[in-house]
Amino acid sequence: MTYKDWQLYNGQERAPRHRVEQLVYQDQLHWSSEVLEETAAPDYVGSYMQVNDDIIKGANKKLRAFDERKIDLSEGFYAPAEWLVPIRISKYKQVPGAEIRPADKPGLMDLTFTEQAPCDPDTWPCEKEVYDVTTRIRYWADSELPMGMTVTSNGELVREITVTAFEWLSLK
């Protein structure tokens, strides 16, 4: 999977930024992710993280840092990105007023829900104390694997994740 994560950067200047990542995912204990493009920090390109059984390793190209360590699986699993945690789909289905509809491609579903969030003047110019935040997640119905996401705050797009390439890996 290759995806683009666009965000209207939190901060008073509200500068947009995006990152393109490539993810090869077999299961929770076998995956790798690499940054292919990063507009906010171009020297971060090439940074990666890999999980193989109980070993996690990664490199931050911007900081020129490498880390490899054994992880305690009893403490939980690492996810390649917060939006890719399938269990979140089940949680979001429980949000009052959540709507689930078939997407325009067979096998995909769209889940939409709205929550209220307080405004934080340190990270966003506040016109109200509370904002309506609407999230739409596209996911595979059978596995609940997320395939994209949009987030709007009071009608303004603040985040959009678009999967630009995807293929199922065979488990041989």
Protein backbone atom coordinates (compact mmCIF):
# COMPACT_ATOMS: atom_id res chain seq x y z
CA MET A 1 0.00 0.00 0.00
CA THR A 2 1.16 3.49 -0.78
CA TYR A 3 -0.77 6.38 0.74
CA LYS A 4 -0.66 10.14 0.95
CA ASP A 5 -1.49 11.78 4.29
CA TRP A 6 -2.39 15.46 3.74
CA GLN A 7 -2.99 17.71 6.75
CA LEU A 8 -3.78 21.33 7.32
CA TYR A 9 -0.96 21.73 9.83
CA ASN A 10 -2.06 22.54 13.36
CA GLY A 11 -0.74 25.94 14.21
CA GLN A 12 -1.65 29.55 13.73
CA GLU A 13 -0.16 29.67 10.19
CA ARG A 14 -2.34 26.69 9.09
CA ALA A 15 0.20 25.62 6.47
CA PRO A 16 -0.75 22.45 4.57
CA ARG A 17 1.71 19.56 4.51
CA HIS A 18 1.70 15.99 3.27
CA ARG A 19 3.61 12.76 3.60
CA VAL A 20 3.68 9.80 1.23
CA GLU A 21 4.44 6.41 2.78
CA GLN A 22 4.80 2.91 1.44
CA LEU A 23 3.61 0.09 3.67
CA VAL A 24 4.16 -3.63 3.22
CA TYR A 25 1.93 -5.38 5.74
CA GLN A 26 1.66 -9.11 6.28
CA ASP A 27 0.25 -9.09 9.83
CA GLN A 28 0.70 -7.29 13.17
CA LEU A 29 4.11 -8.90 13.66
CA HIS A 30 5.48 -8.54 10.14
CA TRP A 31 5.40 -5.18 8.36
CA SER A 32 7.58 -2.33 7.13
CA SER A 33 6.89 1.31 6.35
CA GLU A 34 9.04 3.88 4.53
CA VAL A 35 8.59 7.62 4.02
CA LEU A 36 8.76 8.41 0.29
CA GLU A 37 7.91 12.11 0.47
CA GLU A 38 7.52 14.67 3.28
CA THR A 39 6.84 18.34 2.51
CA ALA A 40 7.29 19.63 6.07
CA ALA A 41 10.67 17.90 6.51
CA PRO A 42 12.14 16.72 3.18
CA ASP A 43 15.22 15.30 4.92
CA TYR A 44 12.91 12.77 6.64
CA VAL A 45 12.47 10.94 3.29
CA GLY A 46 13.89 7.41 3.50
CA SER A 47 13.06 7.03 7.19
CA TYR A 48 11.58 3.63 7.93
CA MET A 49 10.23 1.28 10.56
CA GLN A 50 10.13 -2.52 10.44
CA VAL A 51 8.53 -5.06 12.74
CA ASN A 52 9.57 -8.70 12.50
CA ASP A 53 8.21 -10.89 15.28
CA ASP A 54 9.48 -9.31 18.51
CA ILE A 55 12.11 -7.05 16.91
CA ILE A 56 11.38 -3.47 15.89
CA LYS A 57 13.91 -1.39 14.03
CA GLY A 58 13.88 1.91 12.27
CA ALA A 59 15.84 4.84 11.00
CA ASN A 60 15.09 8.54 11.23
CA LYS A 61 16.97 10.06 8.29
CA LYS A 62 16.42 13.62 9.51
CA LEU A 63 18.08 12.92 12.86
CA ARG A 64 20.48 10.36 11.38
CA ALA A 65 19.36 7.94 14.08
CA PHE A 66 18.90 4.17 13.98
CA ASP A 67 17.24 2.01 16.60
CA GLU A 68 16.75 -1.73 16.91
CA ARG A 69 15.28 -3.38 19.98
CA LYS A 70 13.33 -6.35 21.24
CA ILE A 71 9.72 -5.57 22.11
CA ASP A 72 7.51 -7.13 24.77
CA LEU A 73 4.48 -8.46 22.86
CA SER A 74 2.48 -8.70 26.08
CA GLU A 75 2.34 -4.88 26.08
CA GLY A 76 0.51 -4.75 22.74
CA PHE A 77 1.37 -4.33 19.09
CA TYR A 78 2.92 -1.52 17.10
CA ALA A 79 0.86 -0.04 14.26
CA PRO A 80 2.39 1.52 11.14
CA ALA A 81 0.14 4.58 11.53
CA GLU A 82 -2.68 5.52 13.90
CA TRP A 83 -5.32 5.57 11.14
CA LEU A 84 -4.49 1.98 10.12
CA VAL A 85 -5.52 0.28 13.36
CA PRO A 86 -8.46 -1.94 12.26
CA ILE A 87 -9.94 -2.18 15.77
CA ARG A 88 -10.74 1.53 15.51
CA ILE A 89 -13.39 0.80 12.88
CA SER A 90 -15.32 -1.30 15.40
CA LYS A 91 -14.97 1.50 17.95
CA TYR A 92 -16.09 4.20 15.52
CA LYS A 93 -19.17 2.16 14.54
CA GLN A 94 -20.33 2.68 18.13
CA VAL A 95 -20.20 6.51 17.96
CA PRO A 96 -23.77 7.83 18.32
CA GLY A 97 -25.09 8.85 14.90
CA ALA A 98 -22.42 6.94 12.95
CA GLU A 99 -23.54 6.06 9.41
CA ILE A 100 -22.28 3.09 7.40
CA ARG A 101 -22.88 2.86 3.66
CA PRO A 102 -21.49 0.78 0.80
CA ALA A 103 -18.77 2.68 -1.07
CA ASP A 104 -18.59 3.03 -4.84
CA LYS A 105 -16.26 0.01 -5.10
CA PRO A 106 -17.44 -3.53 -4.24
CA GLY A 107 -16.22 -4.75 -0.85
CA LEU A 108 -15.58 -1.26 0.53
CA MET A 109 -17.67 0.59 3.09
CA ASP A 110 -17.80 4.24 4.15
CA LEU A 111 -18.19 5.03 7.85
CA THR A 112 -19.05 8.64 8.75
CA PHE A 113 -19.42 10.13 12.21
CA THR A 114 -19.36 13.59 13.80
CA GLU A 115 -17.97 14.47 17.21
CA GLN A 116 -17.57 17.74 19.03
CA ALA A 117 -14.06 18.87 19.95
CA PRO A 118 -12.99 21.84 22.06
CA CYS A 119 -10.89 24.47 20.34
CA ASP A 120 -7.32 24.89 21.56
CA PRO A 121 -6.17 28.47 20.87
CA ASP A 122 -2.52 27.40 21.15
CA THR A 123 -2.82 25.21 18.04
CA TRP A 124 -5.73 26.67 16.07
CA PRO A 125 -7.37 30.10 15.69
CA CYS A 126 -10.63 29.78 17.66
CA GLU A 127 -13.87 31.31 16.46
CA LYS A 128 -15.95 29.03 18.72
CA GLU A 129 -15.31 27.10 21.91
CA VAL A 130 -16.44 23.79 20.37
CA TYR A 131 -16.15 22.54 16.78
CA ASP A 132 -17.98 19.81 14.89
CA VAL A 133 -15.39 17.35 13.55
CA THR A 134 -16.64 14.93 10.89
CA THR A 135 -14.60 11.86 9.97
CA ARG A 136 -15.22 9.58 7.00
CA ILE A 137 -13.27 6.34 6.82
CA ARG A 138 -13.32 4.01 3.83
CA TYR A 139 -12.50 0.41 4.72
CA TRP A 140 -12.70 -3.18 3.48
CA ALA A 141 -15.88 -4.73 4.89
CA ASP A 142 -14.40 -8.19 5.46
CA SER A 143 -11.19 -7.18 7.28
CA GLU A 144 -12.01 -3.64 8.45
CA LEU A 145 -8.69 -2.54 6.93
CA PRO A 146 -8.88 1.25 6.45
CA MET A 147 -8.33 2.45 2.87
CA GLY A 148 -8.66 6.20 3.31
CA MET A 149 -9.93 8.92 5.60
CA THR A 150 -11.11 12.52 5.51
CA VAL A 151 -11.56 14.81 8.49
CA THR A 152 -13.36 18.14 8.35
CA SER A 153 -13.70 20.70 11.11
CA ASN A 154 -16.78 22.92 10.71
CA GLY A 155 -16.85 22.05 7.01
CA GLU A 156 -13.16 22.77 6.35
CA LEU A 157 -10.95 19.88 5.22
CA VAL A 158 -8.16 19.43 7.78
CA ARG A 159 -6.89 15.94 6.92
CA GLU A 160 -7.17 13.60 3.96
CA ILE A 161 -5.55 10.20 3.58
CA THR A 162 -5.65 8.74 0.10
CA VAL A 163 -4.47 5.25 -0.79
CA THR A 164 -2.73 5.61 -4.16
CA ALA A 165 -1.62 1.97 -4.64
CA PHE A 166 -2.86 -1.21 -3.01
CA GLU A 167 -2.59 -4.95 -3.46
CA TRP A 168 -3.32 -7.90 -1.18
CA LEU A 169 -0.25 -9.98 -0.39
CA SER A 170 -0.59 -13.72 -0.68
CA LEU A 171 0.24 -15.54 2.53
CA LYS A 172 2.45 -18.38 1.36
